[in-house]
Amino acid sequence: MKTVKVLLAMLPLFLLMMSCDNDDSENQEELDAFEGCCSPDPVFGPNVDNLDQSAGEITVANIFTPNGDGFFDIIQIENIELYDNHTVTIYDIDDNIIFESSNYGNGNDFFPSGQQGENGVTGTPDGTYKYKIVIENEETFRESGTFCLFTLFMDVDQNFSECNPLDNGFDPIITGN
């Protein structure tokens, strides 16, 4: 009788352990690798702009197509080269730094910086990334946000209609031109 009581007492623990091994992948939502890529919202606190941008306004588009076709293959940050004391930091979706530069746009200092080919850039998968640009210091100028890298080789359906570069035409892989 004692053995039966011990077994009955251990039954809930056994059932809990068995349920942990049950991976119900049918009920899990598919992760959208492009979620938030066209968002205008800053990701590292409010943007700060106390910088005299009369030399040229800093602008960052939010979608890039590093597929080696010559259209938006690297992240273009307009006028960043006009401001000497700047830092550009790129993060993956988990906030890990994957690129940092204090000389962005000069020479070969661009993101992504890997080998480009028909299937994108080696080591830089399609998806959403974060950026932070600081000029002088974070009290003078700080802009952060998200952007998408898309090479058309990912097997997902995605609507990029809200991404800002699409207004002026864009890479033929997205616009179909």
N, C-alpha and C. Protein backbone atom coordinates (compact mmCIF):
# COMPACT_ATOMS: atom_id res chain seq x y z
N MET A 1 0.82 -1.19 0.00
CA MET A 1 0.00 0.00 0.00
C MET A 1 0.87 1.26 0.00
N LYS A 2 2.00 1.19 0.75
CA LYS A 2 2.90 2.32 0.79
C LYS A 2 3.45 2.62 -0.60
N THR A 3 3.76 1.60 -1.38
CA THR A 3 4.31 1.76 -2.71
C THR A 3 3.31 2.46 -3.63
N VAL A 4 2.05 2.11 -3.51
CA VAL A 4 1.01 2.73 -4.34
C VAL A 4 0.88 4.20 -4.00
N LYS A 5 0.94 4.55 -2.70
CA LYS A 5 0.84 5.95 -2.28
C LYS A 5 2.03 6.76 -2.82
N VAL A 6 3.21 6.18 -2.78
CA VAL A 6 4.40 6.87 -3.30
C VAL A 6 4.26 7.08 -4.80
N LEU A 7 3.81 6.06 -5.51
CA LEU A 7 3.63 6.18 -6.96
C LEU A 7 2.57 7.22 -7.30
N LEU A 8 1.48 7.25 -6.56
CA LEU A 8 0.43 8.25 -6.80
C LEU A 8 0.93 9.65 -6.49
N ALA A 9 1.76 9.80 -5.49
CA ALA A 9 2.33 11.10 -5.15
C ALA A 9 3.29 11.59 -6.23
N MET A 10 3.96 10.66 -6.90
CA MET A 10 4.93 11.03 -7.93
C MET A 10 4.28 11.20 -9.30
N LEU A 11 3.05 10.79 -9.46
CA LEU A 11 2.36 10.86 -10.75
C LEU A 11 2.31 12.28 -11.31
N PRO A 12 1.94 13.31 -10.53
CA PRO A 12 1.92 14.67 -11.09
C PRO A 12 3.29 15.11 -11.60
N LEU A 13 4.35 14.77 -10.89
CA LEU A 13 5.71 15.11 -11.32
C LEU A 13 6.05 14.41 -12.63
N PHE A 14 5.70 13.14 -12.74
CA PHE A 14 5.94 12.38 -13.96
C PHE A 14 5.17 13.00 -15.14
N LEU A 15 3.92 13.38 -14.93
CA LEU A 15 3.11 13.98 -16.01
C LEU A 15 3.68 15.33 -16.43
N LEU A 16 4.15 16.10 -15.47
CA LEU A 16 4.76 17.39 -15.79
C LEU A 16 6.01 17.20 -16.63
N MET A 17 6.83 16.23 -16.29
CA MET A 17 8.05 15.96 -17.06
C MET A 17 7.70 15.51 -18.47
N MET A 18 6.68 14.72 -18.62
CA MET A 18 6.29 14.24 -19.95
C MET A 18 5.76 15.39 -20.79
N SER A 19 5.05 16.35 -20.19
CA SER A 19 4.49 17.46 -20.97
C SER A 19 5.58 18.41 -21.44
N CYS A 20 6.70 18.49 -20.72
CA CYS A 20 7.80 19.34 -21.15
C CYS A 20 8.45 18.83 -22.42
N ASP A 21 8.40 17.52 -22.62
CA ASP A 21 9.00 16.95 -23.82
C ASP A 21 8.10 17.03 -25.03
N ASN A 22 6.85 17.39 -24.85
CA ASN A 22 5.89 17.44 -25.95
C ASN A 22 6.00 18.78 -26.66
N ASP A 23 6.63 18.83 -27.80
CA ASP A 23 6.78 20.05 -28.58
C ASP A 23 5.61 20.17 -29.54
N ASP A 24 4.68 21.02 -29.21
CA ASP A 24 3.48 21.19 -30.03
C ASP A 24 3.74 22.28 -31.05
N SER A 25 4.56 21.98 -32.06
CA SER A 25 4.95 22.97 -33.05
C SER A 25 3.80 23.41 -33.94
N GLU A 26 2.73 22.63 -33.98
CA GLU A 26 1.59 23.02 -34.81
C GLU A 26 0.89 24.26 -34.27
N ASN A 27 0.98 24.50 -32.97
CA ASN A 27 0.31 25.63 -32.37
C ASN A 27 1.21 26.86 -32.23
N GLN A 28 2.48 26.75 -32.58
CA GLN A 28 3.39 27.88 -32.47
C GLN A 28 3.24 28.77 -33.69
N GLU A 29 3.23 30.10 -33.44
CA GLU A 29 3.15 31.05 -34.54
C GLU A 29 4.49 31.10 -35.27
N GLU A 30 4.41 31.31 -36.58
CA GLU A 30 5.63 31.46 -37.37
C GLU A 30 6.21 32.85 -37.11
N LEU A 31 7.49 32.92 -36.80
CA LEU A 31 8.16 34.18 -36.52
C LEU A 31 8.34 34.97 -37.81
N ASP A 32 7.96 36.24 -37.80
CA ASP A 32 8.12 37.11 -38.96
C ASP A 32 9.49 37.78 -38.87
N ALA A 33 10.41 37.37 -39.73
CA ALA A 33 11.77 37.91 -39.71
C ALA A 33 11.80 39.39 -40.04
N PHE A 34 10.72 39.91 -40.63
CA PHE A 34 10.68 41.32 -41.03
C PHE A 34 9.78 42.16 -40.14
N GLU A 35 9.35 41.63 -39.01
CA GLU A 35 8.47 42.39 -38.13
C GLU A 35 9.16 43.67 -37.66
N GLY A 36 8.52 44.78 -37.85
CA GLY A 36 9.03 46.06 -37.38
C GLY A 36 10.05 46.72 -38.28
N CYS A 37 10.34 46.15 -39.45
CA CYS A 37 11.43 46.71 -40.25
C CYS A 37 11.09 48.08 -40.84
N CYS A 38 9.86 48.38 -41.04
CA CYS A 38 9.49 49.68 -41.61
C CYS A 38 8.92 50.62 -40.56
N SER A 39 9.14 50.31 -39.30
CA SER A 39 8.62 51.13 -38.22
C SER A 39 9.38 52.45 -38.13
N PRO A 40 8.67 53.56 -37.96
CA PRO A 40 9.35 54.85 -37.79
C PRO A 40 9.78 55.10 -36.34
N ASP A 41 9.50 54.16 -35.44
CA ASP A 41 9.76 54.36 -34.02
C ASP A 41 11.23 54.14 -33.67
N PRO A 42 11.79 55.00 -32.80
CA PRO A 42 13.15 54.76 -32.32
C PRO A 42 13.17 53.51 -31.43
N VAL A 43 14.30 52.83 -31.38
CA VAL A 43 14.39 51.60 -30.60
C VAL A 43 15.29 51.71 -29.37
N PHE A 44 16.09 52.74 -29.27
CA PHE A 44 16.99 52.91 -28.13
C PHE A 44 16.70 54.23 -27.42
N GLY A 45 15.48 54.44 -27.03
CA GLY A 45 15.07 55.69 -26.39
C GLY A 45 14.73 56.73 -27.43
N PRO A 46 14.22 57.87 -26.99
CA PRO A 46 13.83 58.91 -27.95
C PRO A 46 15.02 59.42 -28.75
N ASN A 47 14.77 59.74 -30.01
CA ASN A 47 15.81 60.35 -30.82
C ASN A 47 16.09 61.75 -30.29
N VAL A 48 17.35 62.20 -30.45
CA VAL A 48 17.78 63.51 -29.98
C VAL A 48 18.40 64.23 -31.17
N ASP A 49 17.96 65.46 -31.43
CA ASP A 49 18.53 66.23 -32.54
C ASP A 49 18.80 67.66 -32.10
N ASN A 50 19.96 67.88 -31.52
CA ASN A 50 20.43 69.22 -31.16
C ASN A 50 21.63 69.60 -32.03
N LEU A 51 21.69 68.99 -33.19
CA LEU A 51 22.82 69.17 -34.11
C LEU A 51 22.45 70.16 -35.20
N ASP A 52 23.36 71.08 -35.49
CA ASP A 52 23.17 71.97 -36.64
C ASP A 52 23.42 71.13 -37.89
N GLN A 53 22.35 70.78 -38.59
CA GLN A 53 22.47 69.94 -39.77
C GLN A 53 22.45 70.78 -41.06
N SER A 54 22.94 72.01 -40.98
CA SER A 54 22.95 72.86 -42.18
C SER A 54 23.91 72.31 -43.25
N ALA A 55 24.88 71.49 -42.86
CA ALA A 55 25.77 70.87 -43.84
C ALA A 55 25.03 69.79 -44.63
N GLY A 56 23.99 69.22 -44.06
CA GLY A 56 23.21 68.17 -44.71
C GLY A 56 22.48 67.35 -43.68
N GLU A 57 21.22 67.06 -43.93
CA GLU A 57 20.41 66.30 -42.99
C GLU A 57 20.75 64.82 -43.04
N ILE A 58 20.85 64.21 -41.88
CA ILE A 58 21.13 62.78 -41.77
C ILE A 58 19.82 62.04 -42.02
N THR A 59 19.81 61.15 -43.00
CA THR A 59 18.62 60.33 -43.26
C THR A 59 19.04 58.88 -43.51
N VAL A 60 18.19 57.98 -43.04
CA VAL A 60 18.43 56.54 -43.19
C VAL A 60 17.16 55.93 -43.75
N ALA A 61 17.29 55.17 -44.84
CA ALA A 61 16.14 54.44 -45.36
C ALA A 61 15.94 53.19 -44.51
N ASN A 62 14.78 52.55 -44.66
CA ASN A 62 14.53 51.42 -43.78
C ASN A 62 14.42 50.08 -44.48
N ILE A 63 14.86 49.99 -45.73
CA ILE A 63 14.91 48.70 -46.41
C ILE A 63 16.09 48.68 -47.37
N PHE A 64 16.84 47.57 -47.35
CA PHE A 64 18.02 47.41 -48.19
C PHE A 64 18.01 46.02 -48.79
N THR A 65 18.58 45.91 -49.96
CA THR A 65 18.54 44.65 -50.70
C THR A 65 19.95 44.25 -51.13
N PRO A 66 20.74 43.69 -50.23
CA PRO A 66 22.14 43.35 -50.54
C PRO A 66 22.25 42.10 -51.39
N ASN A 67 21.84 42.22 -52.65
CA ASN A 67 21.87 41.05 -53.53
C ASN A 67 22.85 41.23 -54.69
N GLY A 68 23.67 42.27 -54.64
CA GLY A 68 24.72 42.45 -55.64
C GLY A 68 24.26 43.04 -56.96
N ASP A 69 23.03 43.59 -57.03
CA ASP A 69 22.54 44.13 -58.29
C ASP A 69 22.81 45.63 -58.45
N GLY A 70 23.43 46.26 -57.45
CA GLY A 70 23.75 47.68 -57.55
C GLY A 70 22.66 48.61 -57.05
N PHE A 71 21.52 48.09 -56.64
CA PHE A 71 20.43 48.91 -56.11
C PHE A 71 20.33 48.68 -54.61
N PHE A 72 20.63 49.71 -53.80
CA PHE A 72 20.48 49.65 -52.35
C PHE A 72 21.15 48.40 -51.75
N ASP A 73 22.35 48.08 -52.21
CA ASP A 73 23.07 46.91 -51.71
C ASP A 73 23.71 47.15 -50.35
N ILE A 74 23.96 48.39 -49.99
CA ILE A 74 24.52 48.72 -48.69
C ILE A 74 23.61 49.76 -48.03
N ILE A 75 23.76 49.90 -46.75
CA ILE A 75 22.96 50.87 -46.03
C ILE A 75 23.51 52.26 -46.30
N GLN A 76 22.73 53.03 -47.00
CA GLN A 76 23.10 54.40 -47.30
C GLN A 76 22.61 55.30 -46.17
N ILE A 77 23.50 56.01 -45.54
CA ILE A 77 23.15 57.00 -44.53
C ILE A 77 23.54 58.34 -45.12
N GLU A 78 22.55 59.02 -45.62
CA GLU A 78 22.82 60.29 -46.32
C GLU A 78 23.50 61.28 -45.39
N ASN A 79 24.58 61.88 -45.89
CA ASN A 79 25.32 62.99 -45.27
C ASN A 79 26.10 62.62 -44.01
N ILE A 80 26.18 61.36 -43.65
CA ILE A 80 26.93 60.99 -42.45
C ILE A 80 28.40 61.37 -42.57
N GLU A 81 28.93 61.32 -43.79
CA GLU A 81 30.35 61.64 -43.98
C GLU A 81 30.66 63.12 -43.72
N LEU A 82 29.63 63.97 -43.63
CA LEU A 82 29.82 65.40 -43.38
C LEU A 82 30.08 65.70 -41.90
N TYR A 83 29.89 64.72 -41.04
CA TYR A 83 30.04 64.91 -39.61
C TYR A 83 31.14 63.98 -39.10
N ASP A 84 32.29 64.61 -38.75
CA ASP A 84 33.49 63.84 -38.40
C ASP A 84 33.32 62.95 -37.17
N ASN A 85 32.73 63.44 -36.14
CA ASN A 85 32.68 62.71 -34.87
C ASN A 85 31.38 61.92 -34.78
N HIS A 86 31.30 60.83 -35.55
CA HIS A 86 30.07 60.02 -35.54
C HIS A 86 30.39 58.55 -35.30
N THR A 87 29.37 57.86 -34.82
CA THR A 87 29.44 56.41 -34.65
C THR A 87 28.16 55.81 -35.19
N VAL A 88 28.30 54.78 -36.02
CA VAL A 88 27.17 54.03 -36.54
C VAL A 88 27.29 52.62 -35.98
N THR A 89 26.25 52.17 -35.30
CA THR A 89 26.24 50.83 -34.72
C THR A 89 25.03 50.08 -35.25
N ILE A 90 25.27 48.85 -35.71
CA ILE A 90 24.20 47.99 -36.22
C ILE A 90 24.07 46.81 -35.26
N TYR A 91 22.83 46.47 -34.94
CA TYR A 91 22.52 45.40 -34.00
C TYR A 91 21.64 44.36 -34.69
N ASP A 92 21.76 43.12 -34.26
CA ASP A 92 20.79 42.13 -34.71
C ASP A 92 19.51 42.33 -33.89
N ILE A 93 18.50 41.53 -34.16
CA ILE A 93 17.21 41.71 -33.50
C ILE A 93 17.28 41.47 -31.99
N ASP A 94 18.33 40.76 -31.53
CA ASP A 94 18.51 40.48 -30.11
C ASP A 94 19.42 41.49 -29.42
N ASP A 95 19.70 42.62 -30.08
CA ASP A 95 20.53 43.71 -29.55
C ASP A 95 22.01 43.38 -29.43
N ASN A 96 22.49 42.39 -30.16
CA ASN A 96 23.92 42.11 -30.22
C ASN A 96 24.55 43.01 -31.29
N ILE A 97 25.65 43.65 -30.96
CA ILE A 97 26.34 44.51 -31.94
C ILE A 97 26.97 43.61 -33.00
N ILE A 98 26.64 43.88 -34.27
CA ILE A 98 27.22 43.10 -35.36
C ILE A 98 28.08 43.96 -36.28
N PHE A 99 28.03 45.30 -36.10
CA PHE A 99 28.85 46.21 -36.90
C PHE A 99 28.94 47.52 -36.15
N GLU A 100 30.14 48.14 -36.18
CA GLU A 100 30.31 49.46 -35.59
C GLU A 100 31.37 50.21 -36.37
N SER A 101 31.13 51.50 -36.60
CA SER A 101 32.06 52.29 -37.38
C SER A 101 32.05 53.74 -36.91
N SER A 102 33.23 54.35 -36.90
CA SER A 102 33.33 55.80 -36.66
C SER A 102 33.80 56.49 -37.94
N ASN A 103 33.77 55.77 -39.05
CA ASN A 103 34.20 56.30 -40.34
C ASN A 103 33.23 55.85 -41.45
N TYR A 104 31.96 55.75 -41.10
CA TYR A 104 30.97 55.18 -42.02
C TYR A 104 30.89 55.99 -43.31
N GLY A 105 30.84 55.26 -44.42
CA GLY A 105 30.69 55.89 -45.72
C GLY A 105 31.99 56.28 -46.39
N ASN A 106 33.10 56.16 -45.68
CA ASN A 106 34.41 56.49 -46.25
C ASN A 106 35.14 55.20 -46.59
N GLY A 107 35.66 55.13 -47.79
CA GLY A 107 36.37 53.92 -48.21
C GLY A 107 35.43 52.74 -48.31
N ASN A 108 35.80 51.66 -47.68
CA ASN A 108 34.98 50.45 -47.71
C ASN A 108 34.25 50.22 -46.39
N ASP A 109 34.02 51.27 -45.63
CA ASP A 109 33.40 51.16 -44.32
C ASP A 109 31.87 51.28 -44.44
N PHE A 110 31.23 50.17 -44.82
CA PHE A 110 29.79 50.12 -45.01
C PHE A 110 29.23 48.86 -44.38
N PHE A 111 27.93 48.84 -44.17
CA PHE A 111 27.23 47.64 -43.74
C PHE A 111 26.20 47.30 -44.80
N PRO A 112 26.04 46.07 -45.17
CA PRO A 112 26.83 44.91 -44.75
C PRO A 112 28.17 44.88 -45.45
N SER A 113 29.14 44.28 -44.80
CA SER A 113 30.51 44.34 -45.32
C SER A 113 31.03 42.99 -45.78
N GLY A 114 30.19 41.99 -45.87
CA GLY A 114 30.63 40.67 -46.32
C GLY A 114 30.62 40.55 -47.83
N GLN A 115 30.90 39.38 -48.30
CA GLN A 115 30.90 39.08 -49.73
C GLN A 115 29.47 39.07 -50.26
N GLN A 116 29.20 39.92 -51.26
CA GLN A 116 27.86 39.97 -51.85
C GLN A 116 27.78 39.03 -53.03
N GLY A 117 26.64 38.41 -53.15
CA GLY A 117 26.39 37.52 -54.27
C GLY A 117 24.92 37.49 -54.58
N GLU A 118 24.52 36.56 -55.39
CA GLU A 118 23.12 36.46 -55.79
C GLU A 118 22.20 36.21 -54.61
N ASN A 119 22.69 35.57 -53.57
CA ASN A 119 21.86 35.23 -52.42
C ASN A 119 22.09 36.14 -51.22
N GLY A 120 22.50 37.36 -51.44
CA GLY A 120 22.72 38.29 -50.34
C GLY A 120 24.15 38.31 -49.88
N VAL A 121 24.34 38.72 -48.64
CA VAL A 121 25.67 38.87 -48.07
C VAL A 121 25.95 37.71 -47.12
N THR A 122 27.10 37.10 -47.29
CA THR A 122 27.50 35.98 -46.44
C THR A 122 27.49 36.42 -44.98
N GLY A 123 26.81 35.66 -44.15
CA GLY A 123 26.79 35.93 -42.72
C GLY A 123 25.79 36.98 -42.28
N THR A 124 25.02 37.54 -43.19
CA THR A 124 24.03 38.55 -42.85
C THR A 124 22.69 38.10 -43.42
N PRO A 125 21.92 37.36 -42.65
CA PRO A 125 20.66 36.83 -43.18
C PRO A 125 19.60 37.91 -43.37
N ASP A 126 18.66 37.63 -44.24
CA ASP A 126 17.52 38.51 -44.41
C ASP A 126 16.81 38.67 -43.07
N GLY A 127 16.25 39.85 -42.84
CA GLY A 127 15.49 40.08 -41.62
C GLY A 127 15.57 41.51 -41.15
N THR A 128 15.11 41.73 -39.94
CA THR A 128 15.06 43.05 -39.32
C THR A 128 16.31 43.27 -38.49
N TYR A 129 16.90 44.45 -38.62
CA TYR A 129 18.07 44.87 -37.85
C TYR A 129 17.79 46.22 -37.21
N LYS A 130 18.59 46.58 -36.23
CA LYS A 130 18.46 47.86 -35.54
C LYS A 130 19.72 48.68 -35.79
N TYR A 131 19.56 50.00 -35.76
CA TYR A 131 20.73 50.87 -35.90
C TYR A 131 20.68 51.98 -34.86
N LYS A 132 21.86 52.52 -34.57
CA LYS A 132 21.97 53.72 -33.74
C LYS A 132 23.08 54.57 -34.32
N ILE A 133 22.77 55.84 -34.56
CA ILE A 133 23.74 56.81 -35.05
C ILE A 133 23.92 57.86 -33.96
N VAL A 134 25.17 58.10 -33.59
CA VAL A 134 25.48 59.14 -32.61
C VAL A 134 26.48 60.08 -33.26
N ILE A 135 26.19 61.38 -33.18
CA ILE A 135 27.13 62.41 -33.65
C ILE A 135 27.49 63.28 -32.46
N GLU A 136 28.78 63.46 -32.25
CA GLU A 136 29.35 64.14 -31.08
C GLU A 136 29.11 63.30 -29.83
N ASN A 137 27.89 63.31 -29.31
CA ASN A 137 27.50 62.51 -28.14
C ASN A 137 25.99 62.33 -28.18
N GLU A 138 25.45 61.53 -27.28
CA GLU A 138 24.03 61.20 -27.34
C GLU A 138 23.13 62.38 -26.97
N GLU A 139 23.70 63.43 -26.38
CA GLU A 139 22.90 64.63 -26.09
C GLU A 139 22.87 65.58 -27.28
N THR A 140 23.79 65.42 -28.23
CA THR A 140 23.83 66.27 -29.42
C THR A 140 22.98 65.66 -30.53
N PHE A 141 23.27 64.40 -30.88
CA PHE A 141 22.48 63.73 -31.92
C PHE A 141 22.50 62.24 -31.68
N ARG A 142 21.31 61.69 -31.56
CA ARG A 142 21.15 60.23 -31.49
C ARG A 142 19.89 59.88 -32.27
N GLU A 143 20.06 58.98 -33.22
CA GLU A 143 18.92 58.46 -33.96
C GLU A 143 19.02 56.94 -33.96
N SER A 144 17.91 56.30 -33.67
CA SER A 144 17.88 54.85 -33.72
C SER A 144 16.61 54.41 -34.43
N GLY A 145 16.64 53.21 -34.93
CA GLY A 145 15.47 52.68 -35.63
C GLY A 145 15.74 51.27 -36.12
N THR A 146 14.87 50.83 -36.99
CA THR A 146 15.01 49.49 -37.57
C THR A 146 15.06 49.59 -39.08
N PHE A 147 15.62 48.55 -39.67
CA PHE A 147 15.61 48.46 -41.14
C PHE A 147 15.57 46.99 -41.52
N CYS A 148 15.22 46.74 -42.77
CA CYS A 148 15.15 45.38 -43.30
C CYS A 148 16.27 45.14 -44.29
N LEU A 149 16.81 43.94 -44.24
CA LEU A 149 17.66 43.43 -45.31
C LEU A 149 16.85 42.35 -46.00
N PHE A 150 16.70 42.48 -47.30
CA PHE A 150 15.86 41.54 -48.06
C PHE A 150 16.53 41.25 -49.39
N THR A 151 16.71 39.97 -49.70
CA THR A 151 17.35 39.60 -50.96
C THR A 151 16.46 38.80 -51.89
N LEU A 152 15.22 38.57 -51.51
CA LEU A 152 14.25 37.82 -52.29
C LEU A 152 14.52 36.32 -52.28
N PHE A 153 15.49 35.89 -51.52
CA PHE A 153 15.80 34.47 -51.50
C PHE A 153 15.24 33.79 -50.26
N MET A 154 14.54 34.55 -49.44
CA MET A 154 13.89 33.98 -48.27
C MET A 154 12.51 33.51 -48.69
N ASP A 155 12.10 32.37 -48.21
CA ASP A 155 10.81 31.80 -48.59
C ASP A 155 9.71 32.33 -47.67
N VAL A 156 9.43 33.63 -47.77
CA VAL A 156 8.37 34.24 -46.98
C VAL A 156 7.62 35.22 -47.87
N ASP A 157 6.35 35.41 -47.55
CA ASP A 157 5.58 36.46 -48.19
C ASP A 157 5.70 37.69 -47.32
N GLN A 158 6.03 38.83 -47.91
CA GLN A 158 6.19 40.05 -47.13
C GLN A 158 5.70 41.22 -47.94
N ASN A 159 5.01 42.14 -47.28
CA ASN A 159 4.53 43.35 -47.91
C ASN A 159 5.39 44.51 -47.41
N PHE A 160 6.16 45.10 -48.29
CA PHE A 160 7.03 46.21 -47.93
C PHE A 160 6.43 47.56 -48.34
N SER A 161 5.11 47.64 -48.54
CA SER A 161 4.48 48.84 -49.07
C SER A 161 4.66 50.06 -48.17
N GLU A 162 4.92 49.87 -46.88
CA GLU A 162 5.08 51.01 -45.98
C GLU A 162 6.53 51.45 -45.82
N CYS A 163 7.45 50.80 -46.50
CA CYS A 163 8.86 51.17 -46.40
C CYS A 163 9.12 52.42 -47.22
N ASN A 164 9.86 53.37 -46.67
CA ASN A 164 10.01 54.69 -47.30
C ASN A 164 10.71 54.73 -48.65
N PRO A 165 11.69 53.90 -48.99
CA PRO A 165 12.32 54.04 -50.30
C PRO A 165 11.40 53.63 -51.46
N LEU A 166 10.33 52.94 -51.16
CA LEU A 166 9.46 52.46 -52.23
C LEU A 166 8.71 53.59 -52.91
N ASP A 167 8.58 54.74 -52.25
CA ASP A 167 7.87 55.88 -52.83
C ASP A 167 8.55 56.40 -54.10
N ASN A 168 9.87 56.31 -54.15
CA ASN A 168 10.64 56.86 -55.26
C ASN A 168 11.14 55.77 -56.21
N GLY A 169 10.50 54.63 -56.23
CA GLY A 169 11.04 53.51 -56.98
C GLY A 169 12.09 52.86 -56.12
N PHE A 170 12.52 51.68 -56.49
CA PHE A 170 13.47 51.01 -55.62
C PHE A 170 14.15 49.91 -56.39
N ASP A 171 14.63 48.94 -55.68
CA ASP A 171 15.29 47.80 -56.28
C ASP A 171 14.26 46.97 -57.04
N PRO A 172 14.56 46.59 -58.27
CA PRO A 172 13.61 45.82 -59.06
C PRO A 172 13.14 44.51 -58.41
N ILE A 173 13.91 43.95 -57.49
CA ILE A 173 13.44 42.70 -56.89
C ILE A 173 12.22 42.92 -56.01
N ILE A 174 12.03 44.14 -55.54
CA ILE A 174 10.86 44.42 -54.70
C ILE A 174 9.75 45.06 -55.51
N THR A 175 10.10 45.97 -56.39
CA THR A 175 9.07 46.69 -57.14
C THR A 175 8.60 45.91 -58.36
N GLY A 176 9.37 44.92 -58.78
CA GLY A 176 8.98 44.13 -59.96
C GLY A 176 9.34 44.82 -61.27
N ASN A 177 10.07 45.92 -61.23
CA ASN A 177 10.47 46.64 -62.46
C ASN A 177 11.78 46.11 -63.01
